[in-house]
Amino acid sequence: GKKDGYGELTLKNAVAGKDNVIVGYWKKDQYIGIYEF
């Protein structure tokens, strides 16, 4: 049930009018970085 492994998170930014995208690895819903190790 939690974000775990490789994924892409698109964050809506209504103020800037442009979405922010975070790509990389997650562990138990926590973003750990572009690389898994």
PDB file of all heavy atoms in Angstrom:
ATOM      1  N   GLY A   1       0.776  -1.229   0.000  1.00  0.00           N
ATOM      2  CA  GLY A   1       0.000   0.000   0.000  1.00  0.00           C
ATOM      3  C   GLY A   1       0.809   1.282   0.000  1.00  0.00           C
ATOM      4  O   GLY A   1       0.230   2.369  -0.002  1.00  0.00           O
ATOM      5  N   LYS A   2       2.129   1.191  -0.018  1.00  0.00           N
ATOM      6  CA  LYS A   2       2.982   2.384   0.020  1.00  0.00           C
ATOM      7  C   LYS A   2       3.852   2.464  -1.225  1.00  0.00           C
ATOM      8  O   LYS A   2       4.174   1.442  -1.846  1.00  0.00           O
ATOM      9  CB  LYS A   2       3.874   2.361   1.274  1.00  0.00           C
ATOM     10  CG  LYS A   2       3.102   2.400   2.591  1.00  0.00           C
ATOM     11  CD  LYS A   2       4.052   2.415   3.769  1.00  0.00           C
ATOM     12  CE  LYS A   2       3.302   2.410   5.086  1.00  0.00           C
ATOM     13  NZ  LYS A   2       2.511   3.648   5.268  1.00  0.00           N
ATOM     14  N   LYS A   3       4.227   3.694  -1.561  1.00  0.00           N
ATOM     15  CA  LYS A   3       5.158   3.883  -2.674  1.00  0.00           C
ATOM     16  C   LYS A   3       6.490   3.227  -2.305  1.00  0.00           C
ATOM     17  O   LYS A   3       7.085   3.552  -1.285  1.00  0.00           O
ATOM     18  CB  LYS A   3       5.354   5.377  -2.959  1.00  0.00           C
ATOM     19  CG  LYS A   3       4.092   6.079  -3.449  1.00  0.00           C
ATOM     20  CD  LYS A   3       4.355   7.500  -3.871  1.00  0.00           C
ATOM     21  CE  LYS A   3       4.579   8.427  -2.697  1.00  0.00           C
ATOM     22  NZ  LYS A   3       3.366   8.646  -1.906  1.00  0.00           N
ATOM     23  N   ASP A   4       6.924   2.289  -3.147  1.00  0.00           N
ATOM     24  CA  ASP A   4       8.138   1.533  -2.818  1.00  0.00           C
ATOM     25  C   ASP A   4       8.763   1.018  -4.108  1.00  0.00           C
ATOM     26  O   ASP A   4       8.200   0.174  -4.791  1.00  0.00           O
ATOM     27  CB  ASP A   4       7.796   0.363  -1.895  1.00  0.00           C
ATOM     28  CG  ASP A   4       8.999  -0.121  -1.103  1.00  0.00           C
ATOM     29  OD1 ASP A   4       9.969  -0.557  -1.726  1.00  0.00           O
ATOM     30  OD2 ASP A   4       8.959  -0.044   0.145  1.00  0.00           O
ATOM     31  N   GLY A   5       9.929   1.550  -4.438  1.00  0.00           N
ATOM     32  CA  GLY A   5      10.577   1.195  -5.696  1.00  0.00           C
ATOM     33  C   GLY A   5      10.654   2.395  -6.613  1.00  0.00           C
ATOM     34  O   GLY A   5      10.537   3.546  -6.180  1.00  0.00           O
ATOM     35  N   TYR A   6      10.810   2.122  -7.896  1.00  0.00           N
ATOM     36  CA  TYR A   6      10.974   3.215  -8.861  1.00  0.00           C
ATOM     37  C   TYR A   6       9.621   3.798  -9.248  1.00  0.00           C
ATOM     38  O   TYR A   6       8.643   3.068  -9.434  1.00  0.00           O
ATOM     39  CB  TYR A   6      11.684   2.705 -10.122  1.00  0.00           C
ATOM     40  CG  TYR A   6      11.964   3.792 -11.127  1.00  0.00           C
ATOM     41  CD1 TYR A   6      13.066   4.632 -10.973  1.00  0.00           C
ATOM     42  CD2 TYR A   6      11.122   3.992 -12.213  1.00  0.00           C
ATOM     43  CE1 TYR A   6      13.316   5.645 -11.887  1.00  0.00           C
ATOM     44  CE2 TYR A   6      11.370   4.998 -13.133  1.00  0.00           C
ATOM     45  CZ  TYR A   6      12.470   5.824 -12.963  1.00  0.00           C
ATOM     46  OH  TYR A   6      12.717   6.825 -13.865  1.00  0.00           O
ATOM     47  N   GLY A   7       9.583   5.135  -9.368  1.00  0.00           N
ATOM     48  CA  GLY A   7       8.341   5.777  -9.775  1.00  0.00           C
ATOM     49  C   GLY A   7       8.536   7.228 -10.168  1.00  0.00           C
ATOM     50  O   GLY A   7       9.621   7.802  -9.998  1.00  0.00           O
ATOM     51  N   GLU A   8       7.442   7.811 -10.660  1.00  0.00           N
ATOM     52  CA  GLU A   8       7.439   9.213 -11.097  1.00  0.00           C
ATOM     53  C   GLU A   8       6.270   9.927 -10.428  1.00  0.00           C
ATOM     54  O   GLU A   8       5.122   9.518 -10.577  1.00  0.00           O
ATOM     55  CB  GLU A   8       7.319   9.278 -12.618  1.00  0.00           C
ATOM     56  CG  GLU A   8       7.315  10.683 -13.187  1.00  0.00           C
ATOM     57  CD  GLU A   8       7.238  10.691 -14.700  1.00  0.00           C
ATOM     58  OE1 GLU A   8       8.198  10.220 -15.350  1.00  0.00           O
ATOM     59  OE2 GLU A   8       6.198  11.152 -15.237  1.00  0.00           O
ATOM     60  N   LEU A   9       6.576  10.990  -9.695  1.00  0.00           N
ATOM     61  CA  LEU A   9       5.551  11.755  -8.987  1.00  0.00           C
ATOM     62  C   LEU A   9       5.383  13.122  -9.651  1.00  0.00           C
ATOM     63  O   LEU A   9       6.342  13.896  -9.739  1.00  0.00           O
ATOM     64  CB  LEU A   9       5.937  11.943  -7.521  1.00  0.00           C
ATOM     65  CG  LEU A   9       4.987  12.782  -6.664  1.00  0.00           C
ATOM     66  CD1 LEU A   9       3.610  12.135  -6.582  1.00  0.00           C
ATOM     67  CD2 LEU A   9       5.558  12.986  -5.260  1.00  0.00           C
ATOM     68  N   THR A  10       4.185  13.384 -10.121  1.00  0.00           N
ATOM     69  CA  THR A  10       3.870  14.680 -10.736  1.00  0.00           C
ATOM     70  C   THR A  10       3.100  15.521  -9.729  1.00  0.00           C
ATOM     71  O   THR A  10       1.995  15.156  -9.318  1.00  0.00           O
ATOM     72  CB  THR A  10       3.038  14.491 -12.011  1.00  0.00           C
ATOM     73  OG1 THR A  10       3.761  13.656 -12.932  1.00  0.00           O
ATOM     74  CG2 THR A  10       2.764  15.834 -12.669  1.00  0.00           C
ATOM     75  N   LEU A  11       3.685  16.635  -9.323  1.00  0.00           N
ATOM     76  CA  LEU A  11       3.085  17.526  -8.325  1.00  0.00           C
ATOM     77  C   LEU A  11       2.425  18.700  -9.022  1.00  0.00           C
ATOM     78  O   LEU A  11       3.062  19.423  -9.805  1.00  0.00           O
ATOM     79  CB  LEU A  11       4.153  18.033  -7.358  1.00  0.00           C
ATOM     80  CG  LEU A  11       4.879  16.967  -6.523  1.00  0.00           C
ATOM     81  CD1 LEU A  11       6.040  17.587  -5.765  1.00  0.00           C
ATOM     82  CD2 LEU A  11       3.911  16.313  -5.546  1.00  0.00           C
ATOM     83  N   LYS A  12       1.150  18.879  -8.743  1.00  0.00           N
ATOM     84  CA  LYS A  12       0.418  19.991  -9.329  1.00  0.00           C
ATOM     85  C   LYS A  12       0.839  21.311  -8.682  1.00  0.00           C
ATOM     86  O   LYS A  12       0.953  21.400  -7.466  1.00  0.00           O
ATOM     87  CB  LYS A  12      -1.095  19.796  -9.132  1.00  0.00           C
ATOM     88  CG  LYS A  12      -1.663  18.618  -9.902  1.00  0.00           C
ATOM     89  CD  LYS A  12      -1.615  18.854 -11.396  1.00  0.00           C
ATOM     90  CE  LYS A  12      -2.222  17.689 -12.167  1.00  0.00           C
ATOM     91  NZ  LYS A  12      -2.145  17.901 -13.630  1.00  0.00           N
ATOM     92  N   ASN A  13       1.083  22.299  -9.511  1.00  0.00           N
ATOM     93  CA  ASN A  13       1.479  23.610  -9.012  1.00  0.00           C
ATOM     94  C   ASN A  13       0.583  24.649  -9.672  1.00  0.00           C
ATOM     95  O   ASN A  13       0.882  25.167 -10.748  1.00  0.00           O
ATOM     96  CB  ASN A  13       2.952  23.887  -9.316  1.00  0.00           C
ATOM     97  CG  ASN A  13       3.472  25.109  -8.578  1.00  0.00           C
ATOM     98  OD1 ASN A  13       2.726  26.028  -8.271  1.00  0.00           O
ATOM     99  ND2 ASN A  13       4.764  25.123  -8.307  1.00  0.00           N
ATOM    100  N   ALA A  14      -0.547  24.944  -9.009  1.00  0.00           N
ATOM    101  CA  ALA A  14      -1.536  25.863  -9.583  1.00  0.00           C
ATOM    102  C   ALA A  14      -1.006  27.292  -9.649  1.00  0.00           C
ATOM    103  O   ALA A  14      -1.362  28.056 -10.540  1.00  0.00           O
ATOM    104  CB  ALA A  14      -2.818  25.812  -8.763  1.00  0.00           C
ATOM    105  N   VAL A  15      -0.149  27.660  -8.710  1.00  0.00           N
ATOM    106  CA  VAL A  15       0.374  29.027  -8.667  1.00  0.00           C
ATOM    107  C   VAL A  15       1.315  29.286  -9.833  1.00  0.00           C
ATOM    108  O   VAL A  15       1.192  30.270 -10.565  1.00  0.00           O
ATOM    109  CB  VAL A  15       1.108  29.281  -7.331  1.00  0.00           C
ATOM    110  CG1 VAL A  15       1.712  30.682  -7.326  1.00  0.00           C
ATOM    111  CG2 VAL A  15       0.146  29.110  -6.166  1.00  0.00           C
ATOM    112  N   ALA A  16       2.271  28.379 -10.041  1.00  0.00           N
ATOM    113  CA  ALA A  16       3.247  28.554 -11.118  1.00  0.00           C
ATOM    114  C   ALA A  16       2.664  28.187 -12.475  1.00  0.00           C
ATOM    115  O   ALA A  16       3.174  28.603 -13.511  1.00  0.00           O
ATOM    116  CB  ALA A  16       4.480  27.701 -10.844  1.00  0.00           C
ATOM    117  N   GLY A  17       1.601  27.381 -12.454  1.00  0.00           N
ATOM    118  CA  GLY A  17       0.992  26.975 -13.712  1.00  0.00           C
ATOM    119  C   GLY A  17       1.763  25.902 -14.436  1.00  0.00           C
ATOM    120  O   GLY A  17       1.527  25.631 -15.615  1.00  0.00           O
ATOM    121  N   LYS A  18       2.708  25.273 -13.749  1.00  0.00           N
ATOM    122  CA  LYS A  18       3.515  24.219 -14.359  1.00  0.00           C
ATOM    123  C   LYS A  18       3.758  23.133 -13.333  1.00  0.00           C
ATOM    124  O   LYS A  18       4.118  23.405 -12.192  1.00  0.00           O
ATOM    125  CB  LYS A  18       4.853  24.793 -14.851  1.00  0.00           C
ATOM    126  CG  LYS A  18       5.717  23.787 -15.582  1.00  0.00           C
ATOM    127  CD  LYS A  18       7.006  24.443 -16.070  1.00  0.00           C
ATOM    128  CE  LYS A  18       7.876  23.429 -16.804  1.00  0.00           C
ATOM    129  NZ  LYS A  18       9.158  24.045 -17.263  1.00  0.00           N
ATOM    130  N   ASP A  19       3.546  21.886 -13.730  1.00  0.00           N
ATOM    131  CA  ASP A  19       3.731  20.767 -12.815  1.00  0.00           C
ATOM    132  C   ASP A  19       5.208  20.514 -12.536  1.00  0.00           C
ATOM    133  O   ASP A  19       6.073  20.759 -13.386  1.00  0.00           O
ATOM    134  CB  ASP A  19       3.115  19.491 -13.399  1.00  0.00           C
ATOM    135  CG  ASP A  19       1.603  19.610 -13.555  1.00  0.00           C
ATOM    136  OD1 ASP A  19       1.030  20.528 -12.951  1.00  0.00           O
ATOM    137  OD2 ASP A  19       1.020  18.793 -14.282  1.00  0.00           O
ATOM    138  N   ASN A  20       5.493  20.025 -11.325  1.00  0.00           N
ATOM    139  CA  ASN A  20       6.838  19.586 -10.972  1.00  0.00           C
ATOM    140  C   ASN A  20       6.873  18.064 -10.989  1.00  0.00           C
ATOM    141  O   ASN A  20       5.956  17.411 -10.490  1.00  0.00           O
ATOM    142  CB  ASN A  20       7.226  20.095  -9.579  1.00  0.00           C
ATOM    143  CG  ASN A  20       7.279  21.604  -9.519  1.00  0.00           C
ATOM    144  OD1 ASN A  20       7.798  22.240 -10.426  1.00  0.00           O
ATOM    145  ND2 ASN A  20       6.731  22.186  -8.462  1.00  0.00           N
ATOM    146  N   VAL A  21       7.939  17.501 -11.550  1.00  0.00           N
ATOM    147  CA  VAL A  21       8.047  16.050 -11.671  1.00  0.00           C
ATOM    148  C   VAL A  21       9.263  15.554 -10.896  1.00  0.00           C
ATOM    149  O   VAL A  21      10.371  16.080 -11.070  1.00  0.00           O
ATOM    150  CB  VAL A  21       8.152  15.608 -13.149  1.00  0.00           C
ATOM    151  CG1 VAL A  21       8.272  14.085 -13.243  1.00  0.00           C
ATOM    152  CG2 VAL A  21       6.934  16.083 -13.934  1.00  0.00           C
ATOM    153  N   ILE A  22       9.047  14.574 -10.015  1.00  0.00           N
ATOM    154  CA  ILE A  22      10.121  13.946  -9.242  1.00  0.00           C
ATOM    155  C   ILE A  22      10.257  12.499  -9.703  1.00  0.00           C
ATOM    156  O   ILE A  22       9.288  11.735  -9.645  1.00  0.00           O
ATOM    157  CB  ILE A  22       9.835  13.991  -7.735  1.00  0.00           C
ATOM    158  CG1 ILE A  22       9.675  15.442  -7.263  1.00  0.00           C
ATOM    159  CG2 ILE A  22      10.936  13.302  -6.943  1.00  0.00           C
ATOM    160  CD1 ILE A  22       9.223  15.574  -5.820  1.00  0.00           C
ATOM    161  N   VAL A  23      11.434  12.139 -10.155  1.00  0.00           N
ATOM    162  CA  VAL A  23      11.683  10.788 -10.654  1.00  0.00           C
ATOM    163  C   VAL A  23      12.743  10.123  -9.791  1.00  0.00           C
ATOM    164  O   VAL A  23      13.746  10.749  -9.431  1.00  0.00           O
ATOM    165  CB  VAL A  23      12.154  10.827 -12.127  1.00  0.00           C
ATOM    166  CG1 VAL A  23      12.483   9.424 -12.620  1.00  0.00           C
ATOM    167  CG2 VAL A  23      11.086  11.448 -13.006  1.00  0.00           C
ATOM    168  N   GLY A  24      12.524   8.866  -9.438  1.00  0.00           N
ATOM    169  CA  GLY A  24      13.529   8.154  -8.654  1.00  0.00           C
ATOM    170  C   GLY A  24      12.933   7.013  -7.868  1.00  0.00           C
ATOM    171  O   GLY A  24      11.956   6.392  -8.296  1.00  0.00           O
ATOM    172  N   TYR A  25      13.505   6.776  -6.689  1.00  0.00           N
ATOM    173  CA  TYR A  25      13.130   5.619  -5.880  1.00  0.00           C
ATOM    174  C   TYR A  25      12.483   6.049  -4.561  1.00  0.00           C
ATOM    175  O   TYR A  25      12.888   7.045  -3.949  1.00  0.00           O
ATOM    176  CB  TYR A  25      14.359   4.757  -5.602  1.00  0.00           C
ATOM    177  CG  TYR A  25      14.820   3.997  -6.829  1.00  0.00           C
ATOM    178  CD1 TYR A  25      15.675   4.585  -7.750  1.00  0.00           C
ATOM    179  CD2 TYR A  25      14.384   2.700  -7.078  1.00  0.00           C
ATOM    180  CE1 TYR A  25      16.089   3.900  -8.892  1.00  0.00           C
ATOM    181  CE2 TYR A  25      14.790   2.005  -8.205  1.00  0.00           C
ATOM    182  CZ  TYR A  25      15.637   2.606  -9.103  1.00  0.00           C
ATOM    183  OH  TYR A  25      16.042   1.931 -10.229  1.00  0.00           O
ATOM    184  N   TRP A  26      11.508   5.261  -4.152  1.00  0.00           N
ATOM    185  CA  TRP A  26      10.798   5.461  -2.886  1.00  0.00           C
ATOM    186  C   TRP A  26      10.970   4.240  -1.992  1.00  0.00           C
ATOM    187  O   TRP A  26      11.184   3.123  -2.471  1.00  0.00           O
ATOM    188  CB  TRP A  26       9.303   5.668  -3.133  1.00  0.00           C
ATOM    189  CG  TRP A  26       8.886   7.073  -3.398  1.00  0.00           C
ATOM    190  CD1 TRP A  26       8.299   7.943  -2.528  1.00  0.00           C
ATOM    191  CD2 TRP A  26       8.997   7.807  -4.622  1.00  0.00           C
ATOM    192  NE1 TRP A  26       8.050   9.151  -3.128  1.00  0.00           N
ATOM    193  CE2 TRP A  26       8.470   9.094  -4.417  1.00  0.00           C
ATOM    194  CE3 TRP A  26       9.526   7.499  -5.884  1.00  0.00           C
ATOM    195  CZ2 TRP A  26       8.428  10.066  -5.407  1.00  0.00           C
ATOM    196  CZ3 TRP A  26       9.495   8.454  -6.870  1.00  0.00           C
ATOM    197  CH2 TRP A  26       8.949   9.730  -6.627  1.00  0.00           C
ATOM    198  N   LYS A  27      10.913   4.469  -0.676  1.00  0.00           N
ATOM    199  CA  LYS A  27      10.934   3.394   0.300  1.00  0.00           C
ATOM    200  C   LYS A  27       9.925   3.721   1.393  1.00  0.00           C
ATOM    201  O   LYS A  27      10.073   4.724   2.099  1.00  0.00           O
ATOM    202  CB  LYS A  27      12.336   3.238   0.921  1.00  0.00           C
ATOM    203  CG  LYS A  27      12.485   1.991   1.772  1.00  0.00           C
ATOM    204  CD  LYS A  27      12.505   0.731   0.932  1.00  0.00           C
ATOM    205  CE  LYS A  27      12.791  -0.499   1.779  1.00  0.00           C
ATOM    206  NZ  LYS A  27      12.724  -1.748   0.977  1.00  0.00           N
ATOM    207  N   LYS A  28       8.874   2.897   1.507  1.00  0.00           N
ATOM    208  CA  LYS A  28       7.807   3.107   2.498  1.00  0.00           C
ATOM    209  C   LYS A  28       7.265   4.534   2.439  1.00  0.00           C
ATOM    210  O   LYS A  28       7.166   5.230   3.436  1.00  0.00           O
ATOM    211  CB  LYS A  28       8.310   2.774   3.901  1.00  0.00           C
ATOM    212  CG  LYS A  28       8.667   1.302   4.089  1.00  0.00           C
ATOM    213  CD  LYS A  28       9.116   1.016   5.506  1.00  0.00           C
ATOM    214  CE  LYS A  28       9.438  -0.468   5.670  1.00  0.00           C
ATOM    215  NZ  LYS A  28       9.901  -0.785   7.051  1.00  0.00           N
ATOM    216  N   ASP A  29       6.939   4.973   1.236  1.00  0.00           N
ATOM    217  CA  ASP A  29       6.347   6.292   0.957  1.00  0.00           C
ATOM    218  C   ASP A  29       7.338   7.446   1.037  1.00  0.00           C
ATOM    219  O   ASP A  29       6.957   8.599   0.819  1.00  0.00           O
ATOM    220  CB  ASP A  29       5.162   6.588   1.896  1.00  0.00           C
ATOM    221  CG  ASP A  29       3.827   6.178   1.287  1.00  0.00           C
ATOM    222  OD1 ASP A  29       3.788   5.877   0.084  1.00  0.00           O
ATOM    223  OD2 ASP A  29       2.823   6.161   2.012  1.00  0.00           O
ATOM    224  N   GLN A  30       8.597   7.173   1.348  1.00  0.00           N
ATOM    225  CA  GLN A  30       9.603   8.236   1.452  1.00  0.00           C
ATOM    226  C   GLN A  30      10.500   8.242   0.216  1.00  0.00           C
ATOM    227  O   GLN A  30      10.998   7.185  -0.194  1.00  0.00           O
ATOM    228  CB  GLN A  30      10.461   8.051   2.712  1.00  0.00           C
ATOM    229  CG  GLN A  30       9.675   8.105   4.007  1.00  0.00           C
ATOM    230  CD  GLN A  30       8.997   9.445   4.228  1.00  0.00           C
ATOM    231  OE1 GLN A  30       9.577  10.501   4.048  1.00  0.00           O
ATOM    232  NE2 GLN A  30       7.729   9.390   4.635  1.00  0.00           N
ATOM    233  N   TYR A  31      10.697   9.418  -0.362  1.00  0.00           N
ATOM    234  CA  TYR A  31      11.586   9.542  -1.525  1.00  0.00           C
ATOM    235  C   TYR A  31      13.040   9.426  -1.065  1.00  0.00           C
ATOM    236  O   TYR A  31      13.466  10.133  -0.149  1.00  0.00           O
ATOM    237  CB  TYR A  31      11.362  10.888  -2.208  1.00  0.00           C
ATOM    238  CG  TYR A  31      12.221  11.110  -3.430  1.00  0.00           C
ATOM    239  CD1 TYR A  31      12.012  10.371  -4.588  1.00  0.00           C
ATOM    240  CD2 TYR A  31      13.229  12.064  -3.417  1.00  0.00           C
ATOM    241  CE1 TYR A  31      12.798  10.574  -5.710  1.00  0.00           C
ATOM    242  CE2 TYR A  31      14.010  12.280  -4.536  1.00  0.00           C
ATOM    243  CZ  TYR A  31      13.795  11.528  -5.690  1.00  0.00           C
ATOM    244  OH  TYR A  31      14.585  11.731  -6.796  1.00  0.00           O
ATOM    245  N   ILE A  32      13.803   8.516  -1.682  1.00  0.00           N
ATOM    246  CA  ILE A  32      15.196   8.317  -1.267  1.00  0.00           C
ATOM    247  C   ILE A  32      16.210   8.856  -2.266  1.00  0.00           C
ATOM    248  O   ILE A  32      17.380   9.016  -1.929  1.00  0.00           O
ATOM    249  CB  ILE A  32      15.501   6.831  -0.976  1.00  0.00           C
ATOM    250  CG1 ILE A  32      15.262   5.961  -2.209  1.00  0.00           C
ATOM    251  CG2 ILE A  32      14.669   6.341   0.187  1.00  0.00           C
ATOM    252  CD1 ILE A  32      15.636   4.493  -2.014  1.00  0.00           C
ATOM    253  N   GLY A  33      15.789   9.149  -3.505  1.00  0.00           N
ATOM    254  CA  GLY A  33      16.719   9.751  -4.443  1.00  0.00           C
ATOM    255  C   GLY A  33      16.583   9.198  -5.849  1.00  0.00           C
ATOM    256  O   GLY A  33      15.770   8.314  -6.137  1.00  0.00           O
ATOM    257  N   ILE A  34      17.403   9.739  -6.735  1.00  0.00           N
ATOM    258  CA  ILE A  34      17.377   9.309  -8.137  1.00  0.00           C
ATOM    259  C   ILE A  34      17.803   7.855  -8.268  1.00  0.00           C
ATOM    260  O   ILE A  34      17.316   7.122  -9.128  1.00  0.00           O
ATOM    261  CB  ILE A  34      18.298  10.212  -8.987  1.00  0.00           C
ATOM    262  CG1 ILE A  34      17.807  11.663  -8.938  1.00  0.00           C
ATOM    263  CG2 ILE A  34      18.355   9.730 -10.424  1.00  0.00           C
ATOM    264  CD1 ILE A  34      18.714  12.623  -9.660  1.00  0.00           C
ATOM    265  N   TYR A  35      18.716   7.432  -7.386  1.00  0.00           N
ATOM    266  CA  TYR A  35      19.224   6.065  -7.445  1.00  0.00           C
ATOM    267  C   TYR A  35      18.750   5.272  -6.227  1.00  0.00           C
ATOM    268  O   TYR A  35      18.608   5.820  -5.135  1.00  0.00           O
ATOM    269  CB  TYR A  35      20.756   6.063  -7.503  1.00  0.00           C
ATOM    270  CG  TYR A  35      21.297   6.846  -8.680  1.00  0.00           C
ATOM    271  CD1 TYR A  35      21.765   8.156  -8.509  1.00  0.00           C
ATOM    272  CD2 TYR A  35      21.336   6.293  -9.953  1.00  0.00           C
ATOM    273  CE1 TYR A  35      22.254   8.880  -9.593  1.00  0.00           C
ATOM    274  CE2 TYR A  35      21.820   7.017 -11.033  1.00  0.00           C
ATOM    275  CZ  TYR A  35      22.281   8.299 -10.855  1.00  0.00           C
ATOM    276  OH  TYR A  35      22.755   9.024 -11.915  1.00  0.00           O
ATOM    277  N   GLU A  36      18.565   3.968  -6.442  1.00  0.00           N
ATOM    278  CA  GLU A  36      18.120   3.118  -5.343  1.00  0.00           C
ATOM    279  C   GLU A  36      19.241   2.919  -4.326  1.00  0.00           C
ATOM    280  O   GLU A  36      19.004   2.871  -3.116  1.00  0.00           O
ATOM    281  CB  GLU A  36      17.658   1.771  -5.885  1.00  0.00           C
ATOM    282  CG  GLU A  36      17.045   0.865  -4.844  1.00  0.00           C
ATOM    283  CD  GLU A  36      16.453  -0.396  -5.442  1.00  0.00           C
ATOM    284  OE1 GLU A  36      16.732  -0.681  -6.635  1.00  0.00           O
ATOM    285  OE2 GLU A  36      15.717  -1.093  -4.730  1.00  0.00           O
ATOM    286  N   PHE A  37      20.487   2.809  -4.822  1.00  0.00           N
ATOM    287  CA  PHE A  37      21.647   2.611  -3.956  1.00  0.00           C
ATOM    288  C   PHE A  37      22.741   3.597  -4.361  1.00  0.00           C
ATOM    289  O   PHE A  37      22.856   3.947  -5.544  1.00  0.00           O
ATOM    290  CB  PHE A  37      22.189   1.183  -4.077  1.00  0.00           C
ATOM    291  CG  PHE A  37      21.157   0.117  -3.801  1.00  0.00           C
ATOM    292  CD1 PHE A  37      20.614  -0.615  -4.835  1.00  0.00           C
ATOM    293  CD2 PHE A  37      20.716  -0.125  -2.509  1.00  0.00           C
ATOM    294  CE1 PHE A  37      19.655  -1.588  -4.590  1.00  0.00           C
ATOM    295  CE2 PHE A  37      19.764  -1.090  -2.249  1.00  0.00           C
ATOM    296  CZ  PHE A  37      19.226  -1.822  -3.288  1.00  0.00           C
TER     297      PHE A  37
END
